[in-house]
Amino acid sequence: MRELRFHKPRGLYRSFTNTLLAIIIAGVLSTSYLLDWPGEVRAARAQAALAQEHRRLAEKWAQLEADAQAMCGENAAWELLPNGQVQCYTKHGKKTKVRML
């Protein structure tokens, strides 16, 4: 029979090293989604700036609507002309006055 003289049994050290390496690799792979972190922060800041700009424009538009309605009258309709002026209409649809706000 053949002797197993040079056989080295697996010891605690070798299995511990393999387990530790497996845990490290699993940890690295499970956190790889964080690699895109700076890009996500930049996108979130840009989105917040865009939302703030939309709020500011909505407030400006609401103020313009209120001023135009006050200028034309409570029951009158109005239209914003391309040159920035406001055309007022009576309740019957007749044009009354054109003014700049």
N, C-alpha and C. Protein backbone atom coordinates (compact mmCIF):
# COMPACT_ATOMS: atom_id res chain seq x y z
N MET A 1 0.81 -1.18 0.00
CA MET A 1 0.00 0.00 0.00
C MET A 1 0.86 1.25 0.00
N ARG A 2 0.20 2.25 -0.47
CA ARG A 2 0.89 3.51 -0.59
C ARG A 2 0.74 4.31 0.71
N GLU A 3 1.79 4.89 1.13
CA GLU A 3 1.72 5.68 2.37
C GLU A 3 1.40 7.13 2.05
N LEU A 4 0.69 7.76 2.94
CA LEU A 4 0.32 9.16 2.77
C LEU A 4 1.21 10.02 3.66
N ARG A 5 2.47 9.99 3.33
CA ARG A 5 3.43 10.70 4.13
C ARG A 5 3.33 12.22 4.00
N PHE A 6 3.10 12.70 2.80
CA PHE A 6 3.14 14.14 2.56
C PHE A 6 1.75 14.79 2.58
N HIS A 7 0.81 14.06 3.07
CA HIS A 7 -0.55 14.58 3.14
C HIS A 7 -0.65 15.60 4.28
N LYS A 8 -1.14 16.82 3.94
CA LYS A 8 -1.33 17.86 4.95
C LYS A 8 -2.84 18.07 5.12
N PRO A 9 -3.38 17.71 6.24
CA PRO A 9 -4.82 17.89 6.44
C PRO A 9 -5.17 19.38 6.55
N ARG A 10 -6.38 19.67 6.13
CA ARG A 10 -6.84 21.06 6.24
C ARG A 10 -7.03 21.39 7.70
N GLY A 11 -6.45 22.43 8.08
CA GLY A 11 -6.55 22.82 9.48
C GLY A 11 -7.51 23.98 9.67
N LEU A 12 -7.58 24.44 10.86
CA LEU A 12 -8.45 25.55 11.22
C LEU A 12 -8.02 26.82 10.52
N TYR A 13 -6.74 27.02 10.37
CA TYR A 13 -6.21 28.24 9.76
C TYR A 13 -6.68 28.40 8.32
N ARG A 14 -6.61 27.34 7.54
CA ARG A 14 -6.96 27.42 6.13
C ARG A 14 -8.47 27.64 5.94
N SER A 15 -9.30 26.98 6.67
CA SER A 15 -10.74 27.16 6.53
C SER A 15 -11.17 28.54 7.04
N PHE A 16 -10.49 29.04 8.06
CA PHE A 16 -10.78 30.39 8.57
C PHE A 16 -10.44 31.44 7.52
N THR A 17 -9.32 31.26 6.84
CA THR A 17 -8.91 32.20 5.80
C THR A 17 -9.91 32.21 4.65
N ASN A 18 -10.35 31.03 4.23
CA ASN A 18 -11.33 30.96 3.14
C ASN A 18 -12.65 31.61 3.54
N THR A 19 -13.08 31.37 4.76
CA THR A 19 -14.32 31.97 5.24
C THR A 19 -14.20 33.48 5.31
N LEU A 20 -13.07 33.96 5.81
CA LEU A 20 -12.83 35.40 5.92
C LEU A 20 -12.82 36.05 4.53
N LEU A 21 -12.16 35.43 3.57
CA LEU A 21 -12.13 35.96 2.21
C LEU A 21 -13.52 35.97 1.59
N ALA A 22 -14.31 34.94 1.84
CA ALA A 22 -15.67 34.90 1.32
C ALA A 22 -16.52 36.02 1.91
N ILE A 23 -16.35 36.29 3.19
CA ILE A 23 -17.09 37.37 3.84
C ILE A 23 -16.67 38.73 3.29
N ILE A 24 -15.38 38.92 3.07
CA ILE A 24 -14.89 40.19 2.53
C ILE A 24 -15.43 40.41 1.11
N ILE A 25 -15.39 39.39 0.28
CA ILE A 25 -15.89 39.51 -1.08
C ILE A 25 -17.38 39.78 -1.08
N ALA A 26 -18.12 39.10 -0.22
CA ALA A 26 -19.57 39.34 -0.13
C ALA A 26 -19.84 40.77 0.34
N GLY A 27 -19.05 41.26 1.27
CA GLY A 27 -19.22 42.64 1.75
C GLY A 27 -18.95 43.66 0.68
N VAL A 28 -17.89 43.45 -0.09
CA VAL A 28 -17.57 44.38 -1.18
C VAL A 28 -18.67 44.36 -2.24
N LEU A 29 -19.13 43.19 -2.60
CA LEU A 29 -20.18 43.10 -3.61
C LEU A 29 -21.51 43.67 -3.13
N SER A 30 -21.80 43.52 -1.84
CA SER A 30 -23.07 44.03 -1.33
C SER A 30 -23.07 45.55 -1.19
N THR A 31 -21.92 46.18 -1.16
CA THR A 31 -21.86 47.64 -1.06
C THR A 31 -21.46 48.30 -2.37
N SER A 32 -21.41 47.56 -3.45
CA SER A 32 -20.99 48.13 -4.72
C SER A 32 -21.99 49.15 -5.27
N TYR A 33 -23.25 49.10 -4.82
CA TYR A 33 -24.22 50.08 -5.28
C TYR A 33 -23.89 51.48 -4.79
N LEU A 34 -23.06 51.59 -3.77
CA LEU A 34 -22.68 52.90 -3.24
C LEU A 34 -21.64 53.60 -4.11
N LEU A 35 -21.10 52.94 -5.10
CA LEU A 35 -20.07 53.54 -5.92
C LEU A 35 -20.60 54.71 -6.74
N ASP A 36 -21.90 54.76 -7.00
CA ASP A 36 -22.49 55.84 -7.78
C ASP A 36 -22.94 56.99 -6.88
N TRP A 37 -22.50 57.04 -5.67
CA TRP A 37 -22.97 58.02 -4.69
C TRP A 37 -22.76 59.47 -5.12
N PRO A 38 -21.60 59.90 -5.58
CA PRO A 38 -21.45 61.32 -5.94
C PRO A 38 -22.39 61.75 -7.06
N GLY A 39 -22.62 60.90 -8.02
CA GLY A 39 -23.54 61.24 -9.10
C GLY A 39 -24.96 61.40 -8.62
N GLU A 40 -25.38 60.58 -7.69
CA GLU A 40 -26.73 60.68 -7.15
C GLU A 40 -26.91 61.96 -6.35
N VAL A 41 -25.88 62.37 -5.62
CA VAL A 41 -25.96 63.61 -4.84
C VAL A 41 -26.08 64.80 -5.79
N ARG A 42 -25.28 64.81 -6.86
CA ARG A 42 -25.35 65.89 -7.84
C ARG A 42 -26.73 65.96 -8.48
N ALA A 43 -27.28 64.81 -8.81
CA ALA A 43 -28.61 64.77 -9.42
C ALA A 43 -29.68 65.26 -8.45
N ALA A 44 -29.56 64.90 -7.19
CA ALA A 44 -30.54 65.34 -6.19
C ALA A 44 -30.46 66.85 -6.00
N ARG A 45 -29.26 67.42 -6.00
CA ARG A 45 -29.12 68.87 -5.86
C ARG A 45 -29.70 69.58 -7.07
N ALA A 46 -29.45 69.05 -8.25
CA ALA A 46 -30.00 69.65 -9.47
C ALA A 46 -31.52 69.58 -9.45
N GLN A 47 -32.07 68.47 -8.98
CA GLN A 47 -33.52 68.32 -8.90
C GLN A 47 -34.11 69.30 -7.89
N ALA A 48 -33.44 69.52 -6.77
CA ALA A 48 -33.92 70.47 -5.77
C ALA A 48 -33.88 71.90 -6.31
N ALA A 49 -32.82 72.25 -7.05
CA ALA A 49 -32.73 73.57 -7.65
C ALA A 49 -33.82 73.78 -8.68
N LEU A 50 -34.11 72.76 -9.46
CA LEU A 50 -35.16 72.85 -10.46
C LEU A 50 -36.54 73.01 -9.80
N ALA A 51 -36.77 72.29 -8.73
CA ALA A 51 -38.04 72.41 -8.00
C ALA A 51 -38.20 73.81 -7.41
N GLN A 52 -37.12 74.37 -6.89
CA GLN A 52 -37.16 75.71 -6.33
C GLN A 52 -37.45 76.74 -7.42
N GLU A 53 -36.85 76.56 -8.59
CA GLU A 53 -37.11 77.45 -9.72
C GLU A 53 -38.57 77.36 -10.17
N HIS A 54 -39.14 76.14 -10.17
CA HIS A 54 -40.55 75.96 -10.53
C HIS A 54 -41.46 76.66 -9.53
N ARG A 55 -41.14 76.54 -8.25
CA ARG A 55 -41.95 77.23 -7.22
C ARG A 55 -41.90 78.74 -7.40
N ARG A 56 -40.70 79.26 -7.69
CA ARG A 56 -40.55 80.71 -7.88
C ARG A 56 -41.36 81.18 -9.09
N LEU A 57 -41.29 80.43 -10.19
CA LEU A 57 -42.05 80.80 -11.38
C LEU A 57 -43.56 80.70 -11.14
N ALA A 58 -43.99 79.68 -10.39
CA ALA A 58 -45.41 79.54 -10.08
C ALA A 58 -45.90 80.71 -9.22
N GLU A 59 -45.08 81.15 -8.27
CA GLU A 59 -45.45 82.29 -7.44
C GLU A 59 -45.53 83.56 -8.28
N LYS A 60 -44.58 83.73 -9.21
CA LYS A 60 -44.60 84.89 -10.09
C LYS A 60 -45.84 84.89 -10.98
N TRP A 61 -46.19 83.72 -11.52
CA TRP A 61 -47.36 83.61 -12.38
C TRP A 61 -48.64 83.88 -11.59
N ALA A 62 -48.72 83.38 -10.37
CA ALA A 62 -49.90 83.63 -9.53
C ALA A 62 -50.04 85.12 -9.23
N GLN A 63 -48.93 85.80 -9.00
CA GLN A 63 -48.97 87.24 -8.74
C GLN A 63 -49.42 87.98 -10.00
N LEU A 64 -48.94 87.57 -11.18
CA LEU A 64 -49.36 88.20 -12.43
C LEU A 64 -50.86 88.00 -12.66
N GLU A 65 -51.35 86.79 -12.40
CA GLU A 65 -52.79 86.53 -12.56
C GLU A 65 -53.61 87.41 -11.62
N ALA A 66 -53.18 87.53 -10.37
CA ALA A 66 -53.91 88.35 -9.40
C ALA A 66 -53.91 89.82 -9.82
N ASP A 67 -52.76 90.32 -10.28
CA ASP A 67 -52.67 91.72 -10.71
C ASP A 67 -53.54 91.97 -11.94
N ALA A 68 -53.52 91.04 -12.90
CA ALA A 68 -54.32 91.20 -14.11
C ALA A 68 -55.81 91.17 -13.79
N GLN A 69 -56.22 90.27 -12.92
CA GLN A 69 -57.63 90.19 -12.54
C GLN A 69 -58.05 91.44 -11.80
N ALA A 70 -57.19 91.97 -10.94
CA ALA A 70 -57.52 93.19 -10.22
C ALA A 70 -57.62 94.38 -11.17
N MET A 71 -56.76 94.43 -12.19
CA MET A 71 -56.76 95.53 -13.14
C MET A 71 -58.00 95.47 -14.04
N CYS A 72 -58.36 94.27 -14.49
CA CYS A 72 -59.49 94.13 -15.42
C CYS A 72 -60.84 94.15 -14.72
N GLY A 73 -60.89 93.76 -13.50
CA GLY A 73 -62.15 93.73 -12.77
C GLY A 73 -62.48 92.32 -12.33
N GLU A 74 -63.38 92.22 -11.38
CA GLU A 74 -63.69 90.93 -10.76
C GLU A 74 -64.34 89.94 -11.73
N ASN A 75 -65.27 90.41 -12.57
CA ASN A 75 -65.99 89.51 -13.47
C ASN A 75 -65.43 89.50 -14.88
N ALA A 76 -64.34 90.18 -15.12
CA ALA A 76 -63.78 90.28 -16.46
C ALA A 76 -62.79 89.15 -16.73
N ALA A 77 -62.67 88.85 -18.02
CA ALA A 77 -61.64 87.89 -18.44
C ALA A 77 -60.44 88.68 -18.93
N TRP A 78 -59.31 88.03 -19.02
CA TRP A 78 -58.12 88.71 -19.51
C TRP A 78 -57.25 87.73 -20.28
N GLU A 79 -56.37 88.28 -21.09
CA GLU A 79 -55.47 87.47 -21.91
C GLU A 79 -54.10 88.14 -21.89
N LEU A 80 -53.07 87.34 -21.78
CA LEU A 80 -51.70 87.86 -21.83
C LEU A 80 -51.25 87.87 -23.29
N LEU A 81 -50.93 89.04 -23.80
CA LEU A 81 -50.50 89.18 -25.19
C LEU A 81 -49.02 88.86 -25.32
N PRO A 82 -48.56 88.53 -26.54
CA PRO A 82 -47.14 88.18 -26.73
C PRO A 82 -46.17 89.29 -26.37
N ASN A 83 -46.60 90.55 -26.43
CA ASN A 83 -45.69 91.65 -26.10
C ASN A 83 -45.65 91.95 -24.60
N GLY A 84 -46.34 91.15 -23.79
CA GLY A 84 -46.29 91.31 -22.34
C GLY A 84 -47.43 92.14 -21.78
N GLN A 85 -48.31 92.64 -22.64
CA GLN A 85 -49.44 93.42 -22.18
C GLN A 85 -50.62 92.51 -21.88
N VAL A 86 -51.58 93.07 -21.13
CA VAL A 86 -52.78 92.31 -20.74
C VAL A 86 -53.98 92.91 -21.46
N GLN A 87 -54.71 92.06 -22.18
CA GLN A 87 -55.93 92.48 -22.86
C GLN A 87 -57.12 92.07 -22.00
N CYS A 88 -57.94 93.04 -21.62
CA CYS A 88 -59.12 92.75 -20.81
C CYS A 88 -60.35 92.56 -21.71
N TYR A 89 -61.26 91.70 -21.28
CA TYR A 89 -62.50 91.44 -22.00
C TYR A 89 -63.68 91.58 -21.03
N THR A 90 -64.79 92.02 -21.57
CA THR A 90 -66.01 92.05 -20.75
C THR A 90 -66.56 90.64 -20.64
N LYS A 91 -67.64 90.52 -19.86
CA LYS A 91 -68.23 89.19 -19.72
C LYS A 91 -68.90 88.73 -21.01
N HIS A 92 -69.08 89.64 -21.96
CA HIS A 92 -69.67 89.29 -23.25
C HIS A 92 -68.60 89.05 -24.31
N GLY A 93 -67.35 89.14 -23.94
CA GLY A 93 -66.26 88.86 -24.86
C GLY A 93 -65.76 90.04 -25.65
N LYS A 94 -66.19 91.26 -25.34
CA LYS A 94 -65.71 92.45 -26.04
C LYS A 94 -64.43 92.96 -25.38
N LYS A 95 -63.49 93.40 -26.22
CA LYS A 95 -62.22 93.92 -25.71
C LYS A 95 -62.48 95.28 -25.07
N THR A 96 -61.84 95.49 -23.93
CA THR A 96 -62.02 96.77 -23.25
C THR A 96 -60.73 97.56 -23.19
N LYS A 97 -59.72 97.08 -22.55
CA LYS A 97 -58.50 97.86 -22.41
C LYS A 97 -57.27 96.95 -22.51
N VAL A 98 -56.19 97.57 -22.93
CA VAL A 98 -54.91 96.87 -23.01
C VAL A 98 -53.94 97.64 -22.14
N ARG A 99 -53.33 96.95 -21.19
CA ARG A 99 -52.39 97.63 -20.29
C ARG A 99 -51.18 96.77 -20.05
N MET A 100 -50.13 97.42 -19.71
CA MET A 100 -48.89 96.74 -19.36
C MET A 100 -48.86 96.57 -17.84
N LEU A 101 -48.50 95.39 -17.37
CA LEU A 101 -48.40 95.19 -15.91
C LEU A 101 -47.01 95.48 -15.45
